Protein backbone atom coordinates (compact mmCIF):
# COMPACT_ATOMS: atom_id res chain seq x y z
CA ASP A 1 0.00 0.00 0.00
CA PRO A 2 1.75 3.19 -1.12
CA LYS A 3 0.03 5.22 1.62
CA GLN A 4 1.37 2.91 4.28
CA ALA A 5 4.77 2.98 2.60
CA PHE A 6 4.75 6.75 2.70
CA ASN A 7 3.83 6.77 6.38
CA SER A 8 6.69 4.45 7.27
CA ILE A 9 9.58 6.12 5.48
CA SER A 10 11.15 9.52 5.62
CA VAL A 11 10.98 11.22 2.20
CA SER A 12 12.80 14.42 1.41
CA ILE A 13 12.32 16.12 -1.95
CA ARG A 14 14.01 19.40 -2.67
CA ILE A 15 13.14 21.50 -5.71
CA ARG A 16 15.32 24.50 -6.35
CA ARG A 17 15.08 25.67 -9.95
CA LYS A 18 13.53 23.13 -12.32
CA VAL A 19 10.12 24.28 -13.63
CA VAL A 20 8.15 23.06 -16.63
CA CYS A 21 6.85 25.71 -19.00
CA ASN A 22 5.27 25.12 -22.43
CA THR A 23 6.21 21.38 -22.28
CA ASN A 24 9.92 22.20 -21.99
CA LEU A 25 12.14 21.99 -18.92
CA THR A 26 13.33 25.49 -18.09
CA LEU A 27 15.72 26.87 -15.49
CA PHE A 28 13.92 29.62 -13.62
CA TYR A 29 15.24 31.56 -10.64
CA ALA A 30 11.97 33.17 -9.56
CA HIS A 31 9.76 31.81 -6.74
CA ALA A 32 8.27 28.34 -7.17
CA PHE A 33 5.63 27.14 -4.69
CA PHE A 34 5.06 23.41 -4.31
CA ILE A 35 3.13 20.98 -2.19
CA LEU A 36 3.11 17.25 -1.59
CA MET A 37 -0.22 15.89 -2.79
CA TRP A 38 -2.20 12.66 -3.25
CA HIS A 39 -3.85 11.93 -6.60
CA SER A 40 -6.69 9.41 -6.25
CA TYR A 41 -6.48 8.23 -9.89
CA CYS A 42 -2.89 7.09 -9.38
CA PHE A 43 -3.48 5.22 -6.10
CA TYR A 44 -1.56 2.11 -7.16
CA ALA A 45 1.05 3.82 -9.27
CA HIS A 46 2.53 6.68 -7.29
CA ALA A 47 2.50 7.48 -3.61
CA PHE A 48 2.78 11.21 -4.09
CA PHE A 49 2.82 14.08 -6.57
CA ILE A 50 4.32 17.53 -6.55
CA LEU A 51 2.06 20.18 -8.02
CA MET A 52 3.50 23.62 -8.81
CA TRP A 53 2.04 26.87 -10.03
CA HIS A 54 4.35 28.85 -12.25
CA SER A 55 3.26 32.49 -12.17
CA TYR A 56 5.41 33.49 -15.16
CA CYS A 57 3.87 30.80 -17.37
CA ASN A 58 0.44 31.19 -15.71
CA GLN A 59 -0.11 27.44 -15.53
CA TYR A 60 0.33 24.34 -13.43
CA ALA A 61 2.82 21.49 -13.70
CA TYR A 62 3.09 18.33 -11.65
CA TYR A 63 5.79 15.74 -11.11
CA ASN A 64 4.75 12.13 -10.68
CA GLY A 65 8.10 10.82 -9.53
CA THR A 66 9.41 10.21 -13.08
CA THR A 67 8.40 12.96 -15.49
CA TRP A 68 6.98 16.49 -15.48
CA THR A 69 3.63 17.23 -17.13
CA ASN A 70 2.17 20.64 -17.91
CA PHE A 71 -1.47 21.57 -17.45
CA PRO A 72 -2.68 23.59 -20.45
CA SER A 73 -4.12 26.29 -18.17
CA ALA A 74 -4.57 27.17 -14.53
CA SER A 75 -6.96 24.28 -13.98
CA SER A 76 -6.64 20.86 -12.43
CA SER A 77 -5.66 17.72 -14.30
CA SER A 78 -8.17 15.32 -15.76
CA GLY A 79 -8.31 13.46 -12.46
CA PRO A 80 -9.48 14.94 -9.14
CA VAL A 81 -6.52 16.75 -7.61
CA LEU A 82 -7.15 16.73 -3.87
CA TRP A 83 -4.49 19.28 -2.97
CA ALA A 84 -3.04 22.10 -5.03
CA VAL A 85 -1.31 25.45 -4.87
CA ASN A 86 -3.50 27.93 -6.70
CA ALA A 87 -2.71 31.07 -8.65
CA ALA A 88 -2.98 33.20 -5.50
CA ASN A 89 -0.15 31.15 -3.94
CA ARG A 90 -2.64 29.56 -1.53
CA ILE A 91 -3.06 25.87 -0.71
CA ALA A 92 -6.49 24.64 -1.82
CA ALA A 93 -8.02 21.53 -0.24
CA ASN A 94 -10.76 19.84 -2.27
CA ALA A 95 -13.24 17.09 -1.51
CA GLY A 96 -12.05 13.60 -0.79
CA TYR A 97 -11.53 11.20 2.05
CA PRO A 98 -9.93 12.09 4.28
CA ALA A 99 -9.88 15.82 3.43
CA GLY A 100 -7.50 18.08 5.27
CA ILE A 101 -3.82 18.46 6.07
CA GLN A 102 -2.00 16.01 8.28
CA VAL A 103 1.48 16.76 9.63
CA GLU A 104 3.35 13.88 11.24
CA LYS A 105 6.75 13.60 12.84
CA ILE A 106 8.05 10.03 12.54
CA THR A 107 9.97 9.73 15.79
CA SER A 108 11.47 6.33 14.92
CA GLN A 109 13.47 7.88 12.07
CA ALA A 110 13.75 11.52 13.08
CA SER A 111 14.07 13.64 16.17
CA ASN A 112 11.06 14.78 18.11
CA SER A 113 9.39 18.04 17.14
CA SER A 114 10.89 21.03 18.94
CA LEU A 115 10.91 24.79 18.82
CA ALA A 116 13.83 24.70 16.41
CA ASN A 117 12.29 21.84 14.40
CA ALA A 118 8.58 22.68 14.41
CA LEU A 119 5.99 20.62 12.52
CA ILE A 120 4.38 23.81 11.18
CA ASN A 121 6.19 27.14 11.12
CA ALA A 122 4.00 30.10 10.12
CA GLU A 123 6.05 33.25 9.72
CA GLY A 124 4.61 36.59 8.74
CA GLY A 125 5.40 40.14 9.72
CA GLY A 126 4.66 41.41 13.21
CA THR A 127 1.18 39.90 12.84
CA THR A 128 0.35 36.46 11.34
CA PHE A 129 -3.21 35.36 10.50
CA PHE A 130 -4.93 31.99 10.10
CA LYS A 131 -8.47 31.99 8.72
CA TYR A 132 -11.15 29.28 9.10
CA GLY A 133 -14.40 29.37 7.12
CA THR A 134 -16.75 27.59 4.75
CA THR A 135 -16.32 27.96 0.98
CA GLY A 136 -18.25 31.05 -0.11
CA GLY A 137 -19.38 31.69 3.46
CA ALA A 138 -20.28 35.19 4.64
CA TRP A 139 -18.44 34.85 7.96
CA SER A 140 -15.23 33.24 9.14
CA ILE A 141 -13.06 32.82 12.23
CA SER A 142 -9.55 34.24 12.19
CA GLN A 143 -6.60 33.53 14.44
CA GLU A 144 -4.21 36.45 14.84
CA ALA A 145 -0.74 36.05 16.33
CA VAL A 146 1.27 39.14 17.26
CA THR A 147 4.96 38.59 17.89
CA GLY A 148 6.67 41.20 20.04
CA PHE A 149 10.02 41.59 21.72
CA THR A 150 8.45 40.93 25.15
CA LEU A 151 5.75 38.64 26.54
CA GLY A 152 3.57 41.67 27.26
CA GLY A 153 3.97 42.83 23.67
CA SER A 154 2.94 39.47 22.19
CA GLY A 155 -0.46 37.86 21.91
CA ILE A 156 -2.80 35.53 20.07
CA ASN A 157 -6.49 36.29 19.50
CA TRP A 158 -9.49 34.67 17.81
CA ARG A 159 -12.11 36.81 16.08
CA TYR A 160 -15.38 36.33 14.19
CA ASN A 161 -15.15 38.18 10.85
CA ASP A 162 -17.47 39.53 8.17
CA ASN A 163 -15.87 38.33 4.92
CA ALA A 164 -17.57 41.08 2.92
CA ASN A 165 -16.23 43.73 5.29
CA PRO A 166 -13.02 42.48 6.94
CA GLN A 167 -12.98 45.51 9.24
CA THR A 168 -16.12 44.18 10.99
CA THR A 169 -14.91 41.74 13.63
CA ALA A 170 -16.13 40.40 16.97
CA HIS A 171 -13.52 39.37 19.51
CA MET A 172 -13.98 35.82 20.82
CA PHE A 173 -11.02 35.12 23.09
CA GLY A 174 -7.29 35.54 23.23
CA TYR A 175 -4.17 36.45 25.15
CA SER A 176 -2.51 39.84 25.02
CA ALA A 177 -0.77 42.24 27.42
CA ASN A 178 -0.22 39.34 29.85
CA THR A 179 -4.00 38.86 30.16
CA PHE A 180 -6.36 36.14 28.90
CA ASN A 181 -9.61 37.69 27.61
CA VAL A 182 -12.88 35.85 26.90
CA THR A 183 -15.76 37.78 25.33
CA GLY A 184 -18.42 35.07 25.60
CA ALA A 185 -19.05 32.23 28.03
CA LEU A 186 -16.14 30.21 29.41
CA ASN A 187 -16.86 26.53 30.01
CA ALA A 188 -14.01 24.62 31.65
CA THR A 189 -14.62 20.87 31.58
CA GLY A 190 -11.43 19.80 33.32
CA ALA A 191 -8.94 21.31 35.72
CA GLY A 192 -7.19 24.54 34.79
CA THR A 193 -4.48 26.77 36.16
CA VAL A 194 -4.42 30.53 35.59
CA GLY A 195 -1.12 32.09 36.60
CA GLY A 196 -1.86 35.67 35.57
CA GLY A 197 -4.90 37.86 35.15
CA LEU A 198 -8.14 36.37 33.78
CA THR A 199 -10.67 38.78 32.27
CA ILE A 200 -14.02 37.20 31.36
CA GLY A 201 -16.68 39.24 29.62
CA GLY A 202 -19.38 36.56 29.60
CA ARG A 203 -20.71 33.83 31.88
CA THR A 204 -18.29 31.35 33.44
CA ILE A 205 -19.34 27.78 34.31
CA VAL A 206 -17.18 25.79 36.71
CA GLY A 207 -17.89 22.11 37.35
CA SER A 208 -21.23 20.36 36.89
CA SER A 209 -24.60 20.14 38.60
CA THR A 210 -24.23 16.35 38.81
CA ALA A 211 -20.51 15.82 39.42
CA THR A 212 -19.63 14.99 43.03
CA THR A 213 -16.46 17.06 42.77
CA ALA A 214 -18.02 20.09 41.06
CA GLY A 215 -17.17 23.52 42.40
CA MET A 216 -14.37 26.02 42.72
CA GLU A 217 -11.51 26.09 45.18
CA ILE A 218 -9.36 29.16 45.76
CA ARG A 219 -6.15 28.71 47.69
CA SER A 220 -3.96 31.42 49.12
CA SER A 221 -1.69 31.95 52.07
CA THR A 222 -1.15 35.69 51.60
CA GLY A 223 -4.64 37.19 51.28
CA THR A 224 -4.80 40.79 52.58
CA ASP A 225 -7.09 43.81 52.30
CA ALA A 226 -4.85 45.18 49.55
CA ASN A 227 -4.35 41.78 47.88
CA PRO A 228 -7.56 39.78 48.50
CA ASP A 229 -8.21 36.21 47.39
CA ILE A 230 -11.40 37.38 45.62
CA HIS A 231 -12.04 40.99 44.64
CA PHE A 232 -15.37 42.10 43.15
CA LYS A 233 -15.19 45.62 41.71
CA GLY A 234 -18.27 47.74 41.08
CA THR A 235 -20.65 50.16 42.78
CA ASN A 236 -23.13 47.32 43.28
CA ASN A 237 -21.75 43.76 43.31
CA VAL A 238 -24.28 40.92 43.24
CA LEU A 239 -23.79 37.23 44.01
CA ARG A 240 -26.64 34.79 43.43
CA TYR A 241 -26.91 31.32 44.99
CA GLY A 242 -29.54 29.30 43.11
CA ASN A 243 -31.34 25.99 43.32
CA ASN A 244 -30.58 23.97 40.18
CA THR A 245 -33.95 22.19 40.43
CA ASP A 246 -36.70 24.69 41.31
CA GLY A 247 -35.07 27.96 40.26
CA THR A 248 -35.30 29.73 43.62
CA SER A 249 -32.24 31.57 44.87
CA ILE A 250 -30.67 33.79 47.50
CA VAL A 251 -29.10 37.02 46.28
CA GLN A 252 -26.26 38.81 48.05
CA THR A 253 -25.71 42.48 47.20
CA SER A 254 -22.74 44.61 48.18
CA ILE A 255 -22.99 48.40 47.89
CA SER A 256 -19.64 50.17 48.11
CA ASN A 257 -19.35 53.72 49.40
CA ASN A 258 -16.58 55.72 51.02
CA THR A 259 -19.07 56.80 53.73
CA PRO A 260 -19.45 53.74 56.01
CA ASN A 261 -23.16 54.11 56.80
CA LEU A 262 -23.94 54.33 53.08
CA ALA A 263 -22.14 51.06 52.32
CA SER A 264 -23.93 47.78 52.93
CA LEU A 265 -24.01 44.04 52.44
CA SER A 266 -27.50 42.54 52.14
CA TRP A 267 -29.29 39.27 51.38
CA LYS A 268 -32.73 38.56 49.93
CA HIS A 269 -34.73 35.52 48.81
CA LEU A 270 -35.79 35.40 45.16
CA SER A 271 -38.80 33.29 44.16
CA ASN A 272 -39.05 31.23 40.96
CA ALA A 273 -42.05 33.16 39.59
CA ALA A 274 -41.96 34.53 36.04
CA THR A 275 -41.47 37.91 37.71
CA PRO A 276 -39.40 36.91 40.76
CA VAL A 277 -40.57 38.18 44.14
CA ALA A 278 -37.74 39.48 46.32
CA THR A 279 -38.03 39.03 50.10
CA PRO A 280 -35.41 40.93 52.13
CA MET A 281 -33.60 38.74 54.68
CA MET A 282 -30.96 40.86 56.44
CA SER A 283 -28.30 43.51 55.87
CA ILE A 284 -25.33 45.11 57.58
CA ASP A 285 -23.91 48.55 56.87
CA GLY A 286 -20.34 49.78 56.89
CA GLU A 287 -20.59 50.83 60.54
CA GLY A 288 -21.60 47.33 61.61
CA ASP A 289 -25.31 48.05 62.10
CA LEU A 290 -27.19 44.79 61.49
CA THR A 291 -30.76 44.65 60.23
CA VAL A 292 -32.61 41.33 60.41
CA ASN A 293 -35.92 41.38 58.55
CA GLY A 294 -37.24 38.21 60.15
CA PHE A 295 -37.22 36.81 63.68
CA THR A 296 -33.91 36.46 65.52
CA LYS A 297 -32.68 33.60 67.70
CA LEU A 298 -29.95 34.51 70.14
CA GLY A 299 -28.30 31.57 71.85
CA GLY A 300 -28.94 28.59 69.57
CA THR A 301 -31.57 26.77 67.54
CA THR A 302 -33.28 24.69 70.23
CA THR A 303 -36.97 25.18 71.09
CA ASP A 304 -36.17 26.92 74.38
CA VAL A 305 -34.43 29.75 72.49
CA PRO A 306 -37.21 32.04 71.23
CA ALA A 307 -37.15 33.65 67.84
CA VAL A 308 -38.14 37.25 68.48
CA LYS A 309 -38.86 40.55 66.81
CA GLN A 310 -39.11 44.01 68.31
CA LYS A 311 -41.30 46.97 67.46
CA LEU A 312 -40.94 50.60 68.57
CA LEU A 313 -43.97 52.93 68.76
CA THR A 314 -43.66 56.65 69.47
CA GLY A 315 -46.04 59.55 70.04
CA ILE A 316 -47.39 62.01 72.66
CA ILE A 317 -49.79 61.10 75.44
CA THR A 318 -53.30 62.54 75.64
CA ALA A 319 -53.51 66.18 76.80
CA ALA A 320 -54.60 66.79 80.38
CA LEU A 321 -57.78 68.65 81.36
CA ALA A 322 -58.38 71.02 84.22
CA THR A 323 -60.88 68.47 85.46
CA GLU A 324 -59.46 65.06 84.56
CA THR A 325 -61.63 62.30 83.08
CA SER A 326 -60.93 58.67 82.25
CA ALA A 327 -60.44 59.70 78.63
CA SER A 328 -57.93 62.45 79.45
CA LEU A 329 -55.96 60.13 81.73
CA THR A 330 -55.75 57.34 79.11
CA THR A 331 -53.60 57.24 75.98
CA THR A 332 -54.56 54.39 73.62
CA VAL A 333 -51.88 53.14 71.17
CA ALA A 334 -52.54 50.39 68.57
CA HIS A 335 -49.70 47.82 68.82
CA GLY A 336 -50.27 46.17 65.41
CA ILE A 337 -49.35 42.63 66.56
CA ALA A 338 -51.76 40.20 64.86
CA ASN A 339 -51.59 37.65 67.67
CA TRP A 340 -51.18 39.60 70.91
CA ASP A 341 -50.53 36.35 72.80
CA LYS A 342 -47.07 36.45 71.15
CA ILE A 343 -46.12 39.63 73.03
CA VAL A 344 -43.55 38.69 75.67
CA ASP A 345 -42.45 42.14 76.86
CA VAL A 346 -43.48 45.81 76.73
CA SER A 347 -41.23 48.62 77.88
CA ILE A 348 -42.52 52.21 78.07
CA ILE A 349 -40.61 55.44 78.66
CA LEU A 350 -42.33 58.84 79.11
CA LYS A 351 -40.32 62.04 78.85
CA ALA A 352 -41.62 64.04 81.86
CA ARG A 353 -41.02 67.71 82.65
CA ILE A 354 -41.05 68.68 86.30
CA VAL A 355 -43.71 71.26 87.19
CA ALA A 356 -42.48 74.89 87.32
CA THR A 357 -39.04 73.87 85.96
CA THR A 358 -37.32 73.05 82.68
CA ILE A 359 -36.01 69.74 84.01
CA ASP A 360 -36.82 66.73 81.79
CA LEU A 361 -36.75 63.14 83.07
CA ALA A 362 -37.21 59.76 81.34
CA VAL A 363 -39.68 57.88 83.48
CA PRO A 364 -40.54 54.13 83.27
CA ALA A 365 -43.98 52.82 84.05
CA ARG A 366 -45.03 52.31 87.68
CA PHE A 367 -42.36 54.64 89.00
CA PHE A 368 -43.07 56.23 92.38
CA ASP A 369 -40.51 58.36 94.19
CA THR A 370 -40.61 57.35 97.81
CA ARG A 371 -38.11 59.95 98.98
CA PRO A 372 -39.50 62.45 101.52
CA SER A 373 -40.08 66.04 100.52
CA PRO A 374 -38.19 68.18 99.53
CA GLY A 375 -35.90 65.52 97.98
CA GLY A 376 -38.66 63.52 96.34
CA THR A 377 -40.21 64.25 92.96
CA ASN A 378 -43.98 64.05 92.55
CA GLY A 379 -46.25 63.90 89.51
CA LEU A 380 -44.56 60.99 87.66
CA GLU A 381 -46.88 58.06 88.25
CA TYR A 382 -48.48 56.03 85.45
CA THR A 383 -49.08 52.40 84.41
CA TYR A 384 -50.22 50.48 81.31
CA ILE A 385 -52.27 47.47 80.18
CA ILE A 386 -52.06 45.31 77.01
CA GLY A 387 -55.15 44.39 75.02
CA ALA A 388 -55.84 42.41 71.83
CA THR A 389 -55.25 45.45 69.61
CA ASN A 390 -54.04 48.30 71.85
CA ILE A 391 -51.75 49.30 74.68
CA ASP A 392 -53.30 51.80 77.12
CA ILE A 393 -51.03 54.20 79.01
CA ILE A 394 -52.90 55.34 82.16
CA ARG A 395 -51.79 58.34 84.24
CA ASN A 396 -52.44 58.53 87.95
CA SER A 397 -55.32 60.96 88.53
CA THR A 398 -53.63 62.67 91.50
CA ASN A 399 -49.88 62.19 90.86
CA SER A 400 -49.04 62.75 87.15
CA ALA A 401 -48.83 66.54 86.74
CA SER A 402 -45.23 66.25 85.49
CA LEU A 403 -46.45 63.93 82.71
CA ALA A 404 -49.36 66.02 81.43
CA ARG A 405 -50.96 69.25 82.58
CA PRO A 406 -53.15 72.00 81.12
CA ALA A 407 -52.01 75.56 80.69
CA ALA A 408 -52.21 77.45 83.98
CA GLY A 409 -50.81 80.61 85.58
CA GLY A 410 -49.14 81.68 82.37
CA ALA A 411 -47.40 78.31 82.00
CA ALA A 412 -47.92 76.40 78.75
CA ALA A 413 -49.68 73.07 78.62
CA PHE A 414 -47.48 69.98 78.55
CA ALA A 415 -47.95 66.37 77.39
CA ALA A 416 -45.08 63.86 77.63
CA PRO A 417 -43.74 62.09 74.52
CA TYR A 418 -43.81 58.28 74.79
CA ARG A 419 -41.69 55.42 73.46
CA ILE A 420 -43.07 51.89 73.56
CA LEU A 421 -40.77 48.92 72.81
CA ILE A 422 -42.62 45.64 72.15
CA THR A 423 -40.89 42.24 72.01
CA TYR A 424 -42.85 39.35 70.48
CA THR A 425 -42.21 35.82 69.21
CA ASN A 426 -43.20 33.99 66.06
């Protein structure tokens, strides 16, 4: 089999000057391009041909191992030539099996391929292009290699090109300026090591939803504020943790700001509805203030550790009358807790002002100063009760003048502001 014979021997053919033109052998010192080719009609006769295009004669010639034969014009021979060098000095690959170019280094009879002895050596100017496309296609993919004097000045890039307008290109991926750039999605099936910067413009998929070892591992022993292991840059940075089955997810949002109380890190639940419903979970600002939107357990997850919320209500108590009534002594505040049996604690503070002075005091419920006069302070007594919908603050009818009083003797009326803190469970 001549194909097998060709694969098992090392053949070297060197053509320097001999070119066929007008059926005569002619010495010609201009450029002659040649290629090793397979001719299917001569399968049993010759293992290889050399086909040449002679630009001066504007025609082809081929050598079959014994004699040279001219083609009458720049067309193929009567048999199907699978490989040829055309008039544009380009290698043309036609139909056949197998189509394509195969480059082999036979290590049993020659040295291994190396940088100095490369299988394919493409040399252009500062920039060398390879182009991949279908015959007559409107678009193609090009590979561009830029050779510089330094690593940072060198690169290789792949682009999607409009053949009708070569200036219209779309960058796909490549390496330049010591950085690997990917415009679209990056799907890494196996393990990979990135020693420098990695810039990814599209979506990156790491691992698999079914593989037991799927995921990403980042190792470092020198992570610092200035040189972090992971650094997200943007005014708003969002991380989303999703369920691969039902489409629900938890979203983490980081808002960066040089003013600490304007910076925050927050979490919310996102439903799987066509228009996802976002439910805030918790957040913390740059000063360390923590906001928990749900109930909070402090001390563990067991049933004896209650999950609680708190609610603060503010306002001003009911104005006093010269002749007090039950209505004037009572301030009714709606607590807004759907199930009032869940209320476990109520704390009330009234801001009192001592009669005939400008002294303000914060007074808790059921306070009574037992100190004898003149050291004691009167007029601060009140209590409260909790109902299904309201909390009633009730002043003492004879000892609450410092909490609320009508205008008298040129003095303005006064009513104490209140603060009610409610703690309730779920």
